[in-house]
PDB file of all heavy atoms in Angstrom:
ATOM      1  N   LEU A   1     101.343  73.998 112.035  1.00  0.00           N
ATOM      2  CA  LEU A   1     102.277  74.759 111.222  1.00  0.00           C
ATOM      3  C   LEU A   1     101.700  76.141 110.895  1.00  0.00           C
ATOM      4  O   LEU A   1     102.420  77.139 110.877  1.00  0.00           O
ATOM      5  CB  LEU A   1     102.620  74.000 109.944  1.00  0.00           C
ATOM      6  CG  LEU A   1     103.657  74.628 109.032  1.00  0.00           C
ATOM      7  CD1 LEU A   1     104.995  74.731 109.770  1.00  0.00           C
ATOM      8  CD2 LEU A   1     103.808  73.829 107.762  1.00  0.00           C
ATOM      9  N   PHE A   2     100.384  76.173 110.676  1.00  0.00           N
ATOM     10  CA  PHE A   2      99.717  77.442 110.379  1.00  0.00           C
ATOM     11  C   PHE A   2      99.880  78.413 111.546  1.00  0.00           C
ATOM     12  O   PHE A   2     100.137  79.608 111.342  1.00  0.00           O
ATOM     13  CB  PHE A   2      98.235  77.188 110.084  1.00  0.00           C
ATOM     14  CG  PHE A   2      97.427  78.445 109.991  1.00  0.00           C
ATOM     15  CD1 PHE A   2      97.535  79.278 108.882  1.00  0.00           C
ATOM     16  CD2 PHE A   2      96.571  78.823 111.013  1.00  0.00           C
ATOM     17  CE1 PHE A   2      96.808  80.443 108.794  1.00  0.00           C
ATOM     18  CE2 PHE A   2      95.840  79.985 110.935  1.00  0.00           C
ATOM     19  CZ  PHE A   2      95.953  80.794 109.822  1.00  0.00           C
ATOM     20  N   LEU A   3      99.706  77.928 112.768  1.00  0.00           N
ATOM     21  CA  LEU A   3      99.836  78.796 113.939  1.00  0.00           C
ATOM     22  C   LEU A   3     101.258  79.305 114.102  1.00  0.00           C
ATOM     23  O   LEU A   3     101.468  80.463 114.481  1.00  0.00           O
ATOM     24  CB  LEU A   3      99.395  78.052 115.202  1.00  0.00           C
ATOM     25  CG  LEU A   3      97.911  77.727 115.293  1.00  0.00           C
ATOM     26  CD1 LEU A   3      97.635  76.901 116.542  1.00  0.00           C
ATOM     27  CD2 LEU A   3      97.084  78.993 115.288  1.00  0.00           C
ATOM     28  N   ILE A   4     102.239  78.466 113.809  1.00  0.00           N
ATOM     29  CA  ILE A   4     103.638  78.886 113.901  1.00  0.00           C
ATOM     30  C   ILE A   4     103.929  79.972 112.870  1.00  0.00           C
ATOM     31  O   ILE A   4     104.561  80.982 113.178  1.00  0.00           O
ATOM     32  CB  ILE A   4     104.578  77.675 113.734  1.00  0.00           C
ATOM     33  CG1 ILE A   4     104.420  76.742 114.934  1.00  0.00           C
ATOM     34  CG2 ILE A   4     106.026  78.133 113.589  1.00  0.00           C
ATOM     35  CD1 ILE A   4     105.134  75.412 114.769  1.00  0.00           C
ATOM     36  N   GLU A   5     103.431  79.780 111.661  1.00  0.00           N
ATOM     37  CA  GLU A   5     103.629  80.787 110.612  1.00  0.00           C
ATOM     38  C   GLU A   5     102.909  82.094 110.962  1.00  0.00           C
ATOM     39  O   GLU A   5     103.438  83.176 110.729  1.00  0.00           O
ATOM     40  CB  GLU A   5     103.135  80.259 109.272  1.00  0.00           C
ATOM     41  CG  GLU A   5     103.996  79.162 108.695  1.00  0.00           C
ATOM     42  CD  GLU A   5     103.428  78.587 107.408  1.00  0.00           C
ATOM     43  OE1 GLU A   5     102.368  79.080 106.942  1.00  0.00           O
ATOM     44  OE2 GLU A   5     104.042  77.657 106.883  1.00  0.00           O
ATOM     45  N   LEU A   6     101.705  81.964 111.526  1.00  0.00           N
ATOM     46  CA  LEU A   6     100.969  83.154 111.932  1.00  0.00           C
ATOM     47  C   LEU A   6     101.731  83.905 113.022  1.00  0.00           C
ATOM     48  O   LEU A   6     101.866  85.134 112.963  1.00  0.00           O
ATOM     49  CB  LEU A   6      99.575  82.761 112.435  1.00  0.00           C
ATOM     50  CG  LEU A   6      98.678  83.908 112.884  1.00  0.00           C
ATOM     51  CD1 LEU A   6      98.327  84.800 111.701  1.00  0.00           C
ATOM     52  CD2 LEU A   6      97.428  83.361 113.530  1.00  0.00           C
ATOM     53  N   TRP A   7     102.256  83.180 114.014  1.00  0.00           N
ATOM     54  CA  TRP A   7     103.009  83.808 115.098  1.00  0.00           C
ATOM     55  C   TRP A   7     104.260  84.493 114.550  1.00  0.00           C
ATOM     56  O   TRP A   7     104.602  85.594 114.967  1.00  0.00           O
ATOM     57  CB  TRP A   7     103.387  82.784 116.161  1.00  0.00           C
ATOM     58  CG  TRP A   7     104.329  83.348 117.174  1.00  0.00           C
ATOM     59  CD1 TRP A   7     105.623  83.016 117.360  1.00  0.00           C
ATOM     60  CD2 TRP A   7     104.057  84.397 118.111  1.00  0.00           C
ATOM     61  NE1 TRP A   7     106.181  83.775 118.356  1.00  0.00           N
ATOM     62  CE2 TRP A   7     105.231  84.644 118.841  1.00  0.00           C
ATOM     63  CE3 TRP A   7     102.932  85.153 118.408  1.00  0.00           C
ATOM     64  CZ2 TRP A   7     105.315  85.595 119.834  1.00  0.00           C
ATOM     65  CZ3 TRP A   7     103.023  86.113 119.403  1.00  0.00           C
ATOM     66  CH2 TRP A   7     104.197  86.321 120.099  1.00  0.00           C
ATOM     67  N   GLU A   8     104.938  83.849 113.602  1.00  0.00           N
ATOM     68  CA  GLU A   8     106.141  84.458 113.017  1.00  0.00           C
ATOM     69  C   GLU A   8     105.808  85.728 112.257  1.00  0.00           C
ATOM     70  O   GLU A   8     106.558  86.707 112.326  1.00  0.00           O
ATOM     71  CB  GLU A   8     106.859  83.451 112.116  1.00  0.00           C
ATOM     72  CG  GLU A   8     107.570  82.353 112.884  1.00  0.00           C
ATOM     73  CD  GLU A   8     108.236  81.322 111.970  1.00  0.00           C
ATOM     74  OE1 GLU A   8     108.155  81.469 110.734  1.00  0.00           O
ATOM     75  OE2 GLU A   8     108.820  80.383 112.516  1.00  0.00           O
ATOM     76  N   SER A   9     104.701  85.728 111.540  1.00  0.00           N
ATOM     77  CA  SER A   9     104.336  86.938 110.791  1.00  0.00           C
ATOM     78  C   SER A   9     103.958  88.071 111.752  1.00  0.00           C
ATOM     79  O   SER A   9     104.293  89.227 111.509  1.00  0.00           O
ATOM     80  CB  SER A   9     103.203  86.649 109.805  1.00  0.00           C
ATOM     81  OG  SER A   9     102.024  86.306 110.480  1.00  0.00           O
ATOM     82  N   VAL A  10     103.261  87.735 112.854  1.00  0.00           N
ATOM     83  CA  VAL A  10     102.930  88.760 113.857  1.00  0.00           C
ATOM     84  C   VAL A  10     104.207  89.282 114.505  1.00  0.00           C
ATOM     85  O   VAL A  10     104.368  90.492 114.707  1.00  0.00           O
ATOM     86  CB  VAL A  10     101.950  88.189 114.911  1.00  0.00           C
ATOM     87  CG1 VAL A  10     101.818  89.122 116.102  1.00  0.00           C
ATOM     88  CG2 VAL A  10     100.588  87.940 114.290  1.00  0.00           C
ATOM     89  N   ARG A  11     105.129  88.389 114.827  1.00  0.00           N
ATOM     90  CA  ARG A  11     106.389  88.793 115.449  1.00  0.00           C
ATOM     91  C   ARG A  11     107.188  89.692 114.507  1.00  0.00           C
ATOM     92  O   ARG A  11     107.756  90.706 114.926  1.00  0.00           O
ATOM     93  CB  ARG A  11     107.200  87.551 115.822  1.00  0.00           C
ATOM     94  CG  ARG A  11     108.394  87.867 116.697  1.00  0.00           C
ATOM     95  CD  ARG A  11     109.180  86.618 117.013  1.00  0.00           C
ATOM     96  NE  ARG A  11     109.693  86.092 115.754  1.00  0.00           N
ATOM     97  CZ  ARG A  11     109.949  84.811 115.532  1.00  0.00           C
ATOM     98  NH1 ARG A  11     109.740  83.923 116.457  1.00  0.00           N
ATOM     99  NH2 ARG A  11     110.422  84.414 114.369  1.00  0.00           N
ATOM    100  N   ASP A  12     107.221  89.351 113.205  1.00  0.00           N
ATOM    101  CA  ASP A  12     107.919  90.195 112.223  1.00  0.00           C
ATOM    102  C   ASP A  12     107.255  91.562 112.101  1.00  0.00           C
ATOM    103  O   ASP A  12     107.938  92.586 111.969  1.00  0.00           O
ATOM    104  CB  ASP A  12     107.963  89.508 110.858  1.00  0.00           C
ATOM    105  CG  ASP A  12     108.842  88.276 110.840  1.00  0.00           C
ATOM    106  OD1 ASP A  12     109.663  88.111 111.776  1.00  0.00           O
ATOM    107  OD2 ASP A  12     108.704  87.460 109.911  1.00  0.00           O
ATOM    108  N   PHE A  13     105.929  91.568 112.121  1.00  0.00           N
ATOM    109  CA  PHE A  13     105.193  92.832 112.034  1.00  0.00           C
ATOM    110  C   PHE A  13     105.526  93.722 113.222  1.00  0.00           C
ATOM    111  O   PHE A  13     105.789  94.922 113.064  1.00  0.00           O
ATOM    112  CB  PHE A  13     103.687  92.542 111.977  1.00  0.00           C
ATOM    113  CG  PHE A  13     102.829  93.766 111.875  1.00  0.00           C
ATOM    114  CD1 PHE A  13     102.762  94.489 110.690  1.00  0.00           C
ATOM    115  CD2 PHE A  13     102.075  94.190 112.952  1.00  0.00           C
ATOM    116  CE1 PHE A  13     101.965  95.619 110.585  1.00  0.00           C
ATOM    117  CE2 PHE A  13     101.271  95.316 112.863  1.00  0.00           C
ATOM    118  CZ  PHE A  13     101.221  96.023 111.677  1.00  0.00           C
ATOM    119  N   ILE A  14     105.537  93.146 114.419  1.00  0.00           N
ATOM    120  CA  ILE A  14     105.862  93.925 115.620  1.00  0.00           C
ATOM    121  C   ILE A  14     107.317  94.381 115.593  1.00  0.00           C
ATOM    122  O   ILE A  14     107.632  95.507 115.977  1.00  0.00           O
ATOM    123  CB  ILE A  14     105.536  93.118 116.893  1.00  0.00           C
ATOM    124  CG1 ILE A  14     104.018  93.012 117.031  1.00  0.00           C
ATOM    125  CG2 ILE A  14     106.134  93.753 118.137  1.00  0.00           C
ATOM    126  CD1 ILE A  14     103.545  92.140 118.160  1.00  0.00           C
ATOM    127  N   ALA A  15     108.219  93.518 115.104  1.00  0.00           N
ATOM    128  CA  ALA A  15     109.626  93.914 115.013  1.00  0.00           C
ATOM    129  C   ALA A  15     109.799  95.066 114.039  1.00  0.00           C
ATOM    130  O   ALA A  15     110.606  95.974 114.280  1.00  0.00           O
ATOM    131  CB  ALA A  15     110.472  92.719 114.585  1.00  0.00           C
ATOM    132  N   THR A  16     109.028  95.065 112.966  1.00  0.00           N
ATOM    133  CA  THR A  16     109.117  96.143 111.986  1.00  0.00           C
ATOM    134  C   THR A  16     108.501  97.430 112.525  1.00  0.00           C
ATOM    135  O   THR A  16     109.022  98.514 112.290  1.00  0.00           O
ATOM    136  CB  THR A  16     108.397  95.740 110.681  1.00  0.00           C
ATOM    137  OG1 THR A  16     108.934  94.516 110.214  1.00  0.00           O
ATOM    138  CG2 THR A  16     108.573  96.789 109.607  1.00  0.00           C
ATOM    139  N   GLY A  17     107.396  97.307 113.271  1.00  0.00           N
ATOM    140  CA  GLY A  17     106.695  98.488 113.753  1.00  0.00           C
ATOM    141  C   GLY A  17     107.169  99.017 115.078  1.00  0.00           C
ATOM    142  O   GLY A  17     106.857 100.139 115.442  1.00  0.00           O
ATOM    143  N   GLY A  18     107.893  98.223 115.825  1.00  0.00           N
ATOM    144  CA  GLY A  18     108.420  98.699 117.108  1.00  0.00           C
ATOM    145  C   GLY A  18     107.558  98.295 118.294  1.00  0.00           C
ATOM    146  O   GLY A  18     106.471  97.739 118.156  1.00  0.00           O
ATOM    147  N   ASP A  19     108.065  98.588 119.457  1.00  0.00           N
ATOM    148  CA  ASP A  19     107.424  98.174 120.695  1.00  0.00           C
ATOM    149  C   ASP A  19     106.108  98.889 120.971  1.00  0.00           C
ATOM    150  O   ASP A  19     105.310  98.434 121.794  1.00  0.00           O
ATOM    151  CB  ASP A  19     108.370  98.389 121.881  1.00  0.00           C
ATOM    152  CG  ASP A  19     109.551  97.433 121.841  1.00  0.00           C
ATOM    153  OD1 ASP A  19     109.431  96.367 121.205  1.00  0.00           O
ATOM    154  OD2 ASP A  19     110.593  97.758 122.452  1.00  0.00           O
ATOM    155  N   VAL A  20     105.859  99.987 120.302  1.00  0.00           N
ATOM    156  CA  VAL A  20     104.607 100.718 120.498  1.00  0.00           C
ATOM    157  C   VAL A  20     103.416  99.857 120.073  1.00  0.00           C
ATOM    158  O   VAL A  20     102.311 100.002 120.605  1.00  0.00           O
ATOM    159  CB  VAL A  20     104.637 102.062 119.732  1.00  0.00           C
ATOM    160  CG1 VAL A  20     103.312 102.772 119.787  1.00  0.00           C
ATOM    161  CG2 VAL A  20     105.724 102.943 120.302  1.00  0.00           C
ATOM    162  N   LEU A  21     103.653  98.915 119.176  1.00  0.00           N
ATOM    163  CA  LEU A  21     102.566  98.037 118.744  1.00  0.00           C
ATOM    164  C   LEU A  21     102.044  97.179 119.888  1.00  0.00           C
ATOM    165  O   LEU A  21     100.879  96.778 119.884  1.00  0.00           O
ATOM    166  CB  LEU A  21     103.023  97.151 117.577  1.00  0.00           C
ATOM    167  CG  LEU A  21     103.216  97.884 116.257  1.00  0.00           C
ATOM    168  CD1 LEU A  21     103.689  96.930 115.182  1.00  0.00           C
ATOM    169  CD2 LEU A  21     101.933  98.548 115.822  1.00  0.00           C
ATOM    170  N   TYR A  22     102.869  96.885 120.881  1.00  0.00           N
ATOM    171  CA  TYR A  22     102.385  96.155 122.056  1.00  0.00           C
ATOM    172  C   TYR A  22     101.349  96.987 122.803  1.00  0.00           C
ATOM    173  O   TYR A  22     100.353  96.465 123.306  1.00  0.00           O
ATOM    174  CB  TYR A  22     103.534  95.801 122.999  1.00  0.00           C
ATOM    175  CG  TYR A  22     104.441  94.715 122.478  1.00  0.00           C
ATOM    176  CD1 TYR A  22     105.771  94.983 122.193  1.00  0.00           C
ATOM    177  CD2 TYR A  22     103.975  93.425 122.280  1.00  0.00           C
ATOM    178  CE1 TYR A  22     106.616  93.987 121.726  1.00  0.00           C
ATOM    179  CE2 TYR A  22     104.797  92.423 121.810  1.00  0.00           C
ATOM    180  CZ  TYR A  22     106.128  92.708 121.539  1.00  0.00           C
ATOM    181  OH  TYR A  22     106.952  91.718 121.068  1.00  0.00           O
ATOM    182  N   ILE A  23     101.587  98.284 122.874  1.00  0.00           N
ATOM    183  CA  ILE A  23     100.646  99.169 123.563  1.00  0.00           C
ATOM    184  C   ILE A  23      99.346  99.265 122.774  1.00  0.00           C
ATOM    185  O   ILE A  23      98.252  99.238 123.351  1.00  0.00           O
ATOM    186  CB  ILE A  23     101.274 100.561 123.786  1.00  0.00           C
ATOM    187  CG1 ILE A  23     102.552 100.434 124.606  1.00  0.00           C
ATOM    188  CG2 ILE A  23     100.287 101.500 124.477  1.00  0.00           C
ATOM    189  CD1 ILE A  23     103.361 101.703 124.675  1.00  0.00           C
ATOM    190  N   VAL A  24      99.449  99.364 121.444  1.00  0.00           N
ATOM    191  CA  VAL A  24      98.250  99.383 120.597  1.00  0.00           C
ATOM    192  C   VAL A  24      97.471  98.084 120.790  1.00  0.00           C
ATOM    193  O   VAL A  24      96.237  98.098 120.939  1.00  0.00           O
ATOM    194  CB  VAL A  24      98.614  99.591 119.107  1.00  0.00           C
ATOM    195  CG1 VAL A  24      97.396  99.411 118.221  1.00  0.00           C
ATOM    196  CG2 VAL A  24      99.226 100.955 118.883  1.00  0.00           C
ATOM    197  N   ALA A  25      98.176  96.958 120.798  1.00  0.00           N
ATOM    198  CA  ALA A  25      97.512  95.662 120.973  1.00  0.00           C
ATOM    199  C   ALA A  25      96.835  95.569 122.337  1.00  0.00           C
ATOM    200  O   ALA A  25      95.718  95.049 122.451  1.00  0.00           O
ATOM    201  CB  ALA A  25      98.518  94.528 120.794  1.00  0.00           C
ATOM    202  N   ALA A  26      97.482  96.070 123.374  1.00  0.00           N
ATOM    203  CA  ALA A  26      96.887  96.029 124.709  1.00  0.00           C
ATOM    204  C   ALA A  26      95.625  96.897 124.762  1.00  0.00           C
ATOM    205  O   ALA A  26      94.594  96.477 125.316  1.00  0.00           O
ATOM    206  CB  ALA A  26      97.896  96.496 125.748  1.00  0.00           C
TER     207      ALA A  26
END
């Protein structure tokens, strides 16, 4: 459950910050 919540928070963060965050992460 912790991993699912962590993934959801990361997904929300990326949705809020935009697709450029994928490039920063890479």
